[in-house]
């Protein structure tokens, strides 16, 4: 049986997202997907951060997360904004 308890995650910010701090701790629903984690981040950050957040990728360790990814345990994620240049 799967737990229905909320899951604690930490999201570390990189690049332009560092304007909002180095990291943030969030509580999300079990089995949250990337979209739900980004929604929780948007609720925690000021509105002017939302466009950048929408274009940012989430990663776990060295893996960029796809939309099929589902949270199953407490973890540390990385928020990676898009970068310009060659």
N, C-alpha and C. Protein backbone atom coordinates (compact mmCIF):
# COMPACT_ATOMS: atom_id res chain seq x y z
N UNK A 1 0.84 -1.19 0.00
CA UNK A 1 0.00 0.00 0.00
C UNK A 1 0.89 1.25 0.00
N UNK A 2 0.53 2.22 -0.83
CA UNK A 2 1.31 3.44 -0.92
C UNK A 2 0.86 4.43 0.14
N UNK A 3 1.84 5.20 0.62
CA UNK A 3 1.56 6.20 1.65
C UNK A 3 0.80 7.38 1.04
N UNK A 4 -0.05 7.96 1.86
CA UNK A 4 -0.75 9.18 1.44
C UNK A 4 -0.18 10.39 2.16
N UNK A 5 0.92 10.19 2.90
CA UNK A 5 1.56 11.28 3.61
C UNK A 5 2.28 12.21 2.64
N UNK A 6 2.22 13.52 2.86
CA UNK A 6 2.96 14.45 2.02
C UNK A 6 4.46 14.13 2.05
N UNK A 7 5.14 14.50 0.98
CA UNK A 7 6.57 14.23 0.84
C UNK A 7 7.34 15.55 0.88
N UNK A 8 8.41 15.56 1.66
CA UNK A 8 9.30 16.72 1.75
C UNK A 8 10.35 16.63 0.64
N UNK A 9 10.51 17.72 -0.09
CA UNK A 9 11.57 17.79 -1.09
C UNK A 9 12.34 19.09 -0.90
N UNK A 10 13.55 19.10 -1.41
CA UNK A 10 14.35 20.31 -1.44
C UNK A 10 14.68 20.57 -2.90
N UNK A 11 14.50 21.82 -3.33
CA UNK A 11 14.81 22.19 -4.71
C UNK A 11 15.94 23.21 -4.66
N UNK A 12 17.05 22.87 -5.31
CA UNK A 12 18.20 23.76 -5.38
C UNK A 12 18.13 24.55 -6.68
N UNK A 13 18.34 25.87 -6.58
CA UNK A 13 18.24 26.75 -7.74
C UNK A 13 19.61 26.98 -8.38
N UNK A 14 19.62 27.08 -9.70
CA UNK A 14 20.81 27.39 -10.45
C UNK A 14 20.54 28.56 -11.39
N UNK A 15 21.61 29.16 -11.92
CA UNK A 15 21.49 30.23 -12.90
C UNK A 15 20.64 31.38 -12.41
N UNK A 16 19.80 31.88 -13.30
CA UNK A 16 18.96 33.05 -13.00
C UNK A 16 17.99 32.80 -11.85
N UNK A 17 17.68 31.55 -11.57
CA UNK A 17 16.77 31.24 -10.46
C UNK A 17 17.40 31.52 -9.10
N UNK A 18 18.71 31.68 -9.06
CA UNK A 18 19.39 31.99 -7.79
C UNK A 18 18.94 33.33 -7.23
N UNK A 19 18.31 34.15 -8.05
CA UNK A 19 17.75 35.42 -7.57
C UNK A 19 16.77 35.17 -6.42
N UNK A 20 16.22 33.98 -6.36
CA UNK A 20 15.20 33.65 -5.36
C UNK A 20 15.76 32.81 -4.21
N UNK A 21 17.08 32.74 -4.12
CA UNK A 21 17.74 32.01 -3.05
C UNK A 21 18.50 30.82 -3.61
N UNK A 22 19.19 30.13 -2.74
CA UNK A 22 19.95 28.95 -3.16
C UNK A 22 19.08 27.71 -3.28
N UNK A 23 18.08 27.62 -2.40
CA UNK A 23 17.22 26.42 -2.38
C UNK A 23 15.95 26.74 -1.62
N UNK A 24 15.01 25.83 -1.76
CA UNK A 24 13.74 25.97 -1.06
C UNK A 24 13.26 24.57 -0.67
N UNK A 25 12.65 24.47 0.48
CA UNK A 25 12.04 23.21 0.92
C UNK A 25 10.55 23.30 0.66
N UNK A 26 10.00 22.22 0.12
CA UNK A 26 8.57 22.17 -0.20
C UNK A 26 7.97 20.86 0.31
N UNK A 27 6.69 20.88 0.52
CA UNK A 27 5.93 19.68 0.83
C UNK A 27 4.96 19.47 -0.32
N UNK A 28 5.01 18.30 -0.92
CA UNK A 28 4.13 18.00 -2.05
C UNK A 28 3.41 16.68 -1.80
N UNK A 29 2.38 16.47 -2.58
CA UNK A 29 1.60 15.23 -2.46
C UNK A 29 2.42 14.03 -2.93
N UNK A 30 2.18 12.87 -2.35
CA UNK A 30 2.85 11.68 -2.85
C UNK A 30 2.43 11.44 -4.29
N UNK A 31 3.34 10.91 -5.08
CA UNK A 31 3.11 10.63 -6.50
C UNK A 31 2.95 11.91 -7.33
N UNK A 32 3.47 13.04 -6.82
CA UNK A 32 3.44 14.30 -7.59
C UNK A 32 4.32 14.14 -8.82
N UNK A 33 3.89 14.75 -9.92
CA UNK A 33 4.70 14.71 -11.13
C UNK A 33 5.42 16.06 -11.29
N UNK A 34 6.18 16.19 -12.37
CA UNK A 34 6.97 17.41 -12.61
C UNK A 34 6.06 18.64 -12.62
N UNK A 35 4.93 18.55 -13.27
CA UNK A 35 4.00 19.68 -13.36
C UNK A 35 3.53 20.11 -11.96
N UNK A 36 3.22 19.15 -11.10
CA UNK A 36 2.76 19.47 -9.75
C UNK A 36 3.88 20.06 -8.90
N UNK A 37 5.10 19.57 -9.07
CA UNK A 37 6.23 20.15 -8.34
C UNK A 37 6.45 21.59 -8.79
N UNK A 38 6.39 21.84 -10.10
CA UNK A 38 6.55 23.21 -10.60
C UNK A 38 5.42 24.12 -10.10
N UNK A 39 4.23 23.58 -9.98
CA UNK A 39 3.10 24.36 -9.45
C UNK A 39 3.38 24.75 -7.99
N UNK A 40 3.90 23.81 -7.20
CA UNK A 40 4.24 24.11 -5.81
C UNK A 40 5.35 25.16 -5.74
N UNK A 41 6.33 25.07 -6.64
CA UNK A 41 7.39 26.08 -6.70
C UNK A 41 6.81 27.44 -7.04
N UNK A 42 5.91 27.49 -8.01
CA UNK A 42 5.30 28.76 -8.41
C UNK A 42 4.54 29.41 -7.27
N UNK A 43 3.89 28.60 -6.46
CA UNK A 43 3.16 29.14 -5.31
C UNK A 43 4.11 29.72 -4.27
N UNK A 44 5.34 29.20 -4.22
CA UNK A 44 6.31 29.65 -3.21
C UNK A 44 7.17 30.83 -3.69
N UNK A 45 7.19 31.08 -4.99
CA UNK A 45 8.03 32.14 -5.54
C UNK A 45 7.17 33.32 -5.98
N UNK A 46 7.77 34.50 -6.10
CA UNK A 46 7.00 35.67 -6.54
C UNK A 46 6.50 35.50 -7.97
N UNK A 47 5.40 36.16 -8.33
CA UNK A 47 4.81 36.01 -9.66
C UNK A 47 5.78 36.30 -10.81
N UNK A 48 6.71 37.23 -10.64
CA UNK A 48 7.61 37.54 -11.75
C UNK A 48 8.60 36.40 -12.03
N UNK A 49 8.67 35.40 -11.17
CA UNK A 49 9.53 34.23 -11.40
C UNK A 49 8.85 33.17 -12.26
N UNK A 50 7.54 33.24 -12.41
CA UNK A 50 6.79 32.19 -13.06
C UNK A 50 7.19 31.94 -14.52
N UNK A 51 7.39 32.97 -15.36
CA UNK A 51 7.80 32.67 -16.74
C UNK A 51 9.13 31.90 -16.82
N UNK A 52 10.09 32.28 -16.00
CA UNK A 52 11.38 31.58 -15.99
C UNK A 52 11.20 30.15 -15.48
N UNK A 53 10.40 29.99 -14.46
CA UNK A 53 10.16 28.66 -13.90
C UNK A 53 9.50 27.74 -14.92
N UNK A 54 8.56 28.28 -15.69
CA UNK A 54 7.87 27.48 -16.71
C UNK A 54 8.85 26.93 -17.74
N UNK A 55 9.89 27.68 -18.06
CA UNK A 55 10.87 27.26 -19.07
C UNK A 55 12.02 26.45 -18.48
N UNK A 56 12.05 26.31 -17.18
CA UNK A 56 13.15 25.60 -16.51
C UNK A 56 12.89 24.10 -16.46
N UNK A 57 13.99 23.37 -16.42
CA UNK A 57 13.92 21.90 -16.28
C UNK A 57 14.15 21.55 -14.81
N UNK A 58 13.63 20.41 -14.42
CA UNK A 58 13.92 19.85 -13.11
C UNK A 58 14.78 18.61 -13.32
N UNK A 59 15.73 18.41 -12.42
CA UNK A 59 16.61 17.25 -12.49
C UNK A 59 16.73 16.63 -11.11
N UNK A 60 17.05 15.33 -11.11
CA UNK A 60 17.36 14.61 -9.89
C UNK A 60 18.74 14.02 -10.10
N UNK A 61 19.69 14.48 -9.31
CA UNK A 61 21.09 14.13 -9.48
C UNK A 61 21.52 14.52 -10.88
N UNK A 62 21.82 13.57 -11.76
CA UNK A 62 22.29 13.90 -13.11
C UNK A 62 21.26 13.62 -14.19
N UNK A 63 20.01 13.43 -13.79
CA UNK A 63 18.97 13.06 -14.74
C UNK A 63 17.94 14.18 -14.88
N UNK A 64 17.76 14.66 -16.11
CA UNK A 64 16.69 15.62 -16.39
C UNK A 64 15.37 14.86 -16.32
N UNK A 65 14.41 15.41 -15.59
CA UNK A 65 13.14 14.71 -15.39
C UNK A 65 12.18 14.97 -16.54
N UNK A 66 11.52 13.92 -16.99
CA UNK A 66 10.51 14.04 -18.03
C UNK A 66 9.14 14.22 -17.37
N UNK A 67 8.15 14.51 -18.19
CA UNK A 67 6.80 14.71 -17.65
C UNK A 67 6.24 13.42 -17.05
N UNK A 68 6.81 12.27 -17.38
CA UNK A 68 6.34 11.00 -16.83
C UNK A 68 6.88 10.70 -15.43
N UNK A 69 7.90 11.45 -15.01
CA UNK A 69 8.52 11.22 -13.70
C UNK A 69 7.49 11.44 -12.60
N UNK A 70 7.54 10.57 -11.57
CA UNK A 70 6.62 10.68 -10.44
C UNK A 70 7.44 10.57 -9.15
N UNK A 71 7.17 11.46 -8.22
CA UNK A 71 7.86 11.50 -6.94
C UNK A 71 7.41 10.34 -6.07
N UNK A 72 8.38 9.58 -5.56
CA UNK A 72 8.02 8.42 -4.74
C UNK A 72 8.64 8.47 -3.35
N UNK A 73 9.54 9.44 -3.11
CA UNK A 73 10.22 9.52 -1.81
C UNK A 73 10.77 10.93 -1.63
N UNK A 74 11.13 11.30 -0.40
CA UNK A 74 11.79 12.59 -0.20
C UNK A 74 13.06 12.64 -1.04
N UNK A 75 13.33 13.78 -1.65
CA UNK A 75 14.47 13.88 -2.54
C UNK A 75 14.94 15.32 -2.68
N UNK A 76 16.08 15.49 -3.32
CA UNK A 76 16.60 16.82 -3.65
C UNK A 76 16.56 16.96 -5.16
N UNK A 77 15.88 17.99 -5.63
CA UNK A 77 15.79 18.27 -7.05
C UNK A 77 16.60 19.51 -7.39
N UNK A 78 16.94 19.65 -8.65
CA UNK A 78 17.66 20.81 -9.15
C UNK A 78 16.75 21.53 -10.13
N UNK A 79 16.63 22.85 -10.00
CA UNK A 79 15.87 23.67 -10.94
C UNK A 79 16.87 24.34 -11.87
N UNK A 80 16.80 23.99 -13.15
CA UNK A 80 17.78 24.43 -14.14
C UNK A 80 17.13 25.33 -15.17
N UNK A 81 17.38 26.64 -15.10
CA UNK A 81 16.77 27.54 -16.09
C UNK A 81 17.46 27.35 -17.44
N UNK A 82 16.82 27.78 -18.51
CA UNK A 82 17.45 27.69 -19.82
C UNK A 82 18.68 28.60 -19.86
N UNK A 83 19.63 28.24 -20.71
CA UNK A 83 20.84 29.05 -20.86
C UNK A 83 20.95 29.50 -22.31
N UNK A 84 21.58 30.64 -22.52
CA UNK A 84 21.81 31.18 -23.87
C UNK A 84 23.23 30.91 -24.29
N UNK A 85 23.46 30.99 -25.56
CA UNK A 85 24.81 30.87 -26.06
C UNK A 85 25.05 29.55 -26.75
N UNK A 86 26.33 29.35 -27.14
CA UNK A 86 26.68 28.19 -27.95
C UNK A 86 27.10 27.05 -27.17
